[in-house]
Amino acid sequence: MTEQPPIRSISFIGLGLIGMSLLKAMKLSPLAGKSGIIFRGYDPCFTPQDRKRAEELGLDRFIEDKAQLYAADLIILSAPVEINIA
């Protein structure tokens, strides 16, 4: 059986209650701390103040460029369905 490469980056599309709760839980896990996973995210409704607060809560980078978001090893869709499929 071949070994899977490690996850180095996770992107969250949607940083509301679900997205930020998942991000905080993952960020606090012992595995995430040891492996240096980069947590990126995007939310179309966020103001500059919201972005700052998300970073205070553990988001490493707020990114608007979809190509950078989609280049992550793991993408978590945590926005309303209408936004996820847009």
N, C-alpha and C. Protein backbone atom coordinates (compact mmCIF):
# COMPACT_ATOMS: atom_id res chain seq x y z
N MET A 1 0.84 -1.18 0.00
CA MET A 1 0.00 0.00 0.00
C MET A 1 0.89 1.24 0.00
N THR A 2 0.57 2.21 -0.85
CA THR A 2 1.37 3.42 -0.92
C THR A 2 0.96 4.41 0.15
N GLU A 3 1.92 5.13 0.64
CA GLU A 3 1.66 6.12 1.69
C GLU A 3 1.16 7.42 1.06
N GLN A 4 0.13 8.01 1.67
CA GLN A 4 -0.42 9.26 1.19
C GLN A 4 0.49 10.42 1.60
N PRO A 5 0.66 11.41 0.72
CA PRO A 5 1.46 12.58 1.11
C PRO A 5 0.74 13.36 2.21
N PRO A 6 1.48 14.03 3.06
CA PRO A 6 0.85 14.79 4.15
C PRO A 6 0.06 15.99 3.63
N ILE A 7 -0.94 16.38 4.38
CA ILE A 7 -1.70 17.58 4.06
C ILE A 7 -0.91 18.78 4.57
N ARG A 8 -0.61 19.71 3.67
CA ARG A 8 0.17 20.89 4.04
C ARG A 8 -0.67 22.16 4.06
N SER A 9 -1.81 22.12 3.37
CA SER A 9 -2.67 23.31 3.35
C SER A 9 -4.14 22.91 3.27
N ILE A 10 -4.97 23.69 3.96
CA ILE A 10 -6.41 23.47 3.96
C ILE A 10 -7.08 24.81 3.65
N SER A 11 -8.00 24.78 2.69
CA SER A 11 -8.77 25.98 2.35
C SER A 11 -10.21 25.82 2.79
N PHE A 12 -10.75 26.88 3.37
CA PHE A 12 -12.14 26.92 3.79
C PHE A 12 -12.87 27.91 2.90
N ILE A 13 -13.92 27.45 2.23
CA ILE A 13 -14.79 28.33 1.46
C ILE A 13 -16.01 28.55 2.34
N GLY A 14 -16.09 29.71 2.94
CA GLY A 14 -17.14 30.00 3.92
C GLY A 14 -16.55 29.99 5.32
N LEU A 15 -16.56 31.14 5.96
CA LEU A 15 -15.94 31.28 7.28
C LEU A 15 -16.95 31.72 8.33
N GLY A 16 -18.16 31.23 8.19
CA GLY A 16 -19.19 31.53 9.18
C GLY A 16 -19.08 30.57 10.37
N LEU A 17 -20.19 30.29 10.98
CA LEU A 17 -20.21 29.45 12.18
C LEU A 17 -19.59 28.08 11.93
N ILE A 18 -19.98 27.42 10.86
CA ILE A 18 -19.47 26.08 10.58
C ILE A 18 -18.00 26.13 10.19
N GLY A 19 -17.65 27.00 9.24
CA GLY A 19 -16.27 27.06 8.77
C GLY A 19 -15.29 27.43 9.86
N MET A 20 -15.60 28.46 10.64
CA MET A 20 -14.68 28.87 11.70
C MET A 20 -14.62 27.86 12.83
N SER A 21 -15.73 27.19 13.11
CA SER A 21 -15.71 26.15 14.15
C SER A 21 -14.81 24.99 13.74
N LEU A 22 -14.92 24.56 12.49
CA LEU A 22 -14.05 23.49 11.99
C LEU A 22 -12.59 23.93 12.00
N LEU A 23 -12.34 25.15 11.55
CA LEU A 23 -10.98 25.67 11.51
C LEU A 23 -10.36 25.69 12.90
N LYS A 24 -11.10 26.22 13.87
CA LYS A 24 -10.57 26.29 15.23
C LYS A 24 -10.28 24.90 15.79
N ALA A 25 -11.19 23.95 15.55
CA ALA A 25 -10.99 22.59 16.04
C ALA A 25 -9.76 21.95 15.40
N MET A 26 -9.61 22.14 14.10
CA MET A 26 -8.45 21.57 13.40
C MET A 26 -7.16 22.24 13.86
N LYS A 27 -7.21 23.54 14.02
CA LYS A 27 -6.01 24.29 14.42
C LYS A 27 -5.53 23.87 15.81
N LEU A 28 -6.47 23.50 16.68
CA LEU A 28 -6.12 23.10 18.04
C LEU A 28 -5.68 21.64 18.15
N SER A 29 -5.84 20.87 17.08
CA SER A 29 -5.47 19.45 17.15
C SER A 29 -3.95 19.32 17.21
N PRO A 30 -3.45 18.36 17.96
CA PRO A 30 -2.00 18.17 18.07
C PRO A 30 -1.33 17.92 16.72
N LEU A 31 -2.01 17.22 15.84
CA LEU A 31 -1.44 16.91 14.54
C LEU A 31 -1.20 18.17 13.71
N ALA A 32 -2.14 19.09 13.73
CA ALA A 32 -2.00 20.33 12.95
C ALA A 32 -0.83 21.16 13.46
N GLY A 33 -0.65 21.22 14.75
CA GLY A 33 0.44 22.00 15.32
C GLY A 33 1.80 21.46 14.95
N LYS A 34 1.93 20.14 14.90
CA LYS A 34 3.22 19.51 14.59
C LYS A 34 3.55 19.54 13.10
N SER A 35 2.53 19.53 12.27
CA SER A 35 2.78 19.41 10.83
C SER A 35 2.88 20.74 10.10
N GLY A 36 2.54 21.84 10.75
CA GLY A 36 2.66 23.15 10.12
C GLY A 36 1.66 23.39 9.00
N ILE A 37 0.47 22.85 9.13
CA ILE A 37 -0.56 23.04 8.11
C ILE A 37 -0.93 24.52 8.01
N ILE A 38 -1.06 25.01 6.78
CA ILE A 38 -1.47 26.39 6.54
C ILE A 38 -2.97 26.40 6.30
N PHE A 39 -3.68 27.22 7.07
CA PHE A 39 -5.13 27.33 6.96
C PHE A 39 -5.47 28.61 6.21
N ARG A 40 -6.11 28.43 5.04
CA ARG A 40 -6.51 29.56 4.21
C ARG A 40 -8.03 29.61 4.15
N GLY A 41 -8.58 30.76 3.85
CA GLY A 41 -10.02 30.83 3.76
C GLY A 41 -10.52 32.01 2.97
N TYR A 42 -11.80 31.91 2.63
CA TYR A 42 -12.47 32.97 1.89
C TYR A 42 -13.94 32.99 2.27
N ASP A 43 -14.49 34.18 2.37
CA ASP A 43 -15.92 34.36 2.58
C ASP A 43 -16.31 35.65 1.87
N PRO A 44 -17.22 35.57 0.88
CA PRO A 44 -17.55 36.76 0.10
C PRO A 44 -18.25 37.86 0.90
N CYS A 45 -18.77 37.53 2.05
CA CYS A 45 -19.51 38.51 2.86
C CYS A 45 -18.62 39.21 3.89
N PHE A 46 -17.35 38.85 3.96
CA PHE A 46 -16.48 39.39 5.01
C PHE A 46 -16.03 40.82 4.74
N THR A 47 -16.08 41.62 5.80
CA THR A 47 -15.54 42.98 5.78
C THR A 47 -14.07 42.90 6.22
N PRO A 48 -13.31 43.98 6.09
CA PRO A 48 -11.93 43.96 6.61
C PRO A 48 -11.87 43.61 8.10
N GLN A 49 -12.85 44.06 8.87
CA GLN A 49 -12.88 43.73 10.30
C GLN A 49 -13.12 42.23 10.51
N ASP A 50 -13.99 41.64 9.69
CA ASP A 50 -14.25 40.20 9.77
C ASP A 50 -12.98 39.41 9.45
N ARG A 51 -12.26 39.85 8.44
CA ARG A 51 -11.01 39.17 8.06
C ARG A 51 -10.01 39.21 9.21
N LYS A 52 -9.88 40.36 9.83
CA LYS A 52 -8.95 40.50 10.96
C LYS A 52 -9.35 39.57 12.09
N ARG A 53 -10.64 39.51 12.39
CA ARG A 53 -11.13 38.64 13.48
C ARG A 53 -10.88 37.18 13.14
N ALA A 54 -11.08 36.78 11.89
CA ALA A 54 -10.83 35.40 11.48
C ALA A 54 -9.36 35.05 11.68
N GLU A 55 -8.48 35.98 11.38
CA GLU A 55 -7.05 35.74 11.58
C GLU A 55 -6.71 35.65 13.06
N GLU A 56 -7.39 36.44 13.88
CA GLU A 56 -7.18 36.35 15.33
C GLU A 56 -7.63 34.99 15.87
N LEU A 57 -8.62 34.39 15.22
CA LEU A 57 -9.16 33.10 15.66
C LEU A 57 -8.41 31.91 15.07
N GLY A 58 -7.41 32.16 14.22
CA GLY A 58 -6.60 31.05 13.73
C GLY A 58 -6.41 30.94 12.23
N LEU A 59 -7.12 31.72 11.44
CA LEU A 59 -6.93 31.67 10.00
C LEU A 59 -5.56 32.23 9.66
N ASP A 60 -4.78 31.50 8.88
CA ASP A 60 -3.44 31.97 8.51
C ASP A 60 -3.49 33.02 7.40
N ARG A 61 -4.36 32.79 6.43
CA ARG A 61 -4.43 33.72 5.30
C ARG A 61 -5.85 33.81 4.76
N PHE A 62 -6.33 35.02 4.60
CA PHE A 62 -7.60 35.26 3.90
C PHE A 62 -7.24 35.49 2.45
N ILE A 63 -7.76 34.66 1.55
CA ILE A 63 -7.36 34.71 0.15
C ILE A 63 -8.60 34.85 -0.73
N GLU A 64 -8.57 35.81 -1.64
CA GLU A 64 -9.68 36.00 -2.58
C GLU A 64 -9.43 35.32 -3.92
N ASP A 65 -8.20 34.96 -4.21
CA ASP A 65 -7.85 34.33 -5.48
C ASP A 65 -8.27 32.86 -5.46
N LYS A 66 -9.24 32.51 -6.30
CA LYS A 66 -9.77 31.14 -6.30
C LYS A 66 -8.70 30.11 -6.64
N ALA A 67 -7.79 30.44 -7.53
CA ALA A 67 -6.74 29.49 -7.90
C ALA A 67 -5.89 29.11 -6.69
N GLN A 68 -5.58 30.07 -5.85
CA GLN A 68 -4.80 29.79 -4.63
C GLN A 68 -5.61 28.95 -3.65
N LEU A 69 -6.89 29.26 -3.53
CA LEU A 69 -7.74 28.48 -2.63
C LEU A 69 -7.85 27.04 -3.10
N TYR A 70 -8.05 26.86 -4.40
CA TYR A 70 -8.25 25.51 -4.95
C TYR A 70 -6.96 24.71 -5.01
N ALA A 71 -5.81 25.34 -4.84
CA ALA A 71 -4.53 24.63 -4.88
C ALA A 71 -4.22 23.93 -3.56
N ALA A 72 -5.07 24.08 -2.57
CA ALA A 72 -4.84 23.44 -1.26
C ALA A 72 -4.94 21.93 -1.37
N ASP A 73 -4.33 21.25 -0.42
CA ASP A 73 -4.41 19.79 -0.37
C ASP A 73 -5.81 19.31 0.03
N LEU A 74 -6.51 20.11 0.81
CA LEU A 74 -7.86 19.79 1.26
C LEU A 74 -8.70 21.05 1.19
N ILE A 75 -9.89 20.95 0.59
CA ILE A 75 -10.81 22.09 0.48
C ILE A 75 -12.08 21.74 1.23
N ILE A 76 -12.48 22.61 2.15
CA ILE A 76 -13.69 22.40 2.93
C ILE A 76 -14.73 23.43 2.50
N LEU A 77 -15.86 22.94 2.00
CA LEU A 77 -16.95 23.81 1.57
C LEU A 77 -17.89 23.99 2.74
N SER A 78 -17.86 25.16 3.34
CA SER A 78 -18.67 25.41 4.53
C SER A 78 -19.53 26.67 4.38
N ALA A 79 -19.79 27.02 3.14
CA ALA A 79 -20.67 28.16 2.84
C ALA A 79 -22.04 27.61 2.45
N PRO A 80 -23.04 28.48 2.37
CA PRO A 80 -24.33 28.02 1.87
C PRO A 80 -24.18 27.42 0.47
N VAL A 81 -25.03 26.47 0.14
CA VAL A 81 -24.93 25.75 -1.13
C VAL A 81 -24.85 26.69 -2.32
N GLU A 82 -25.63 27.75 -2.33
CA GLU A 82 -25.64 28.68 -3.45
C GLU A 82 -24.26 29.30 -3.69
N ILE A 83 -23.53 29.53 -2.64
CA ILE A 83 -22.19 30.11 -2.76
C ILE A 83 -21.19 29.03 -3.16
N ASN A 84 -21.32 27.83 -2.61
CA ASN A 84 -20.40 26.75 -2.93
C ASN A 84 -20.43 26.38 -4.40
N ILE A 85 -21.59 26.44 -5.03
CA ILE A 85 -21.68 26.02 -6.43
C ILE A 85 -21.47 27.17 -7.41
N ALA A 86 -21.31 28.38 -6.91
CA ALA A 86 -21.12 29.53 -7.81
C ALA A 86 -19.73 29.54 -8.40
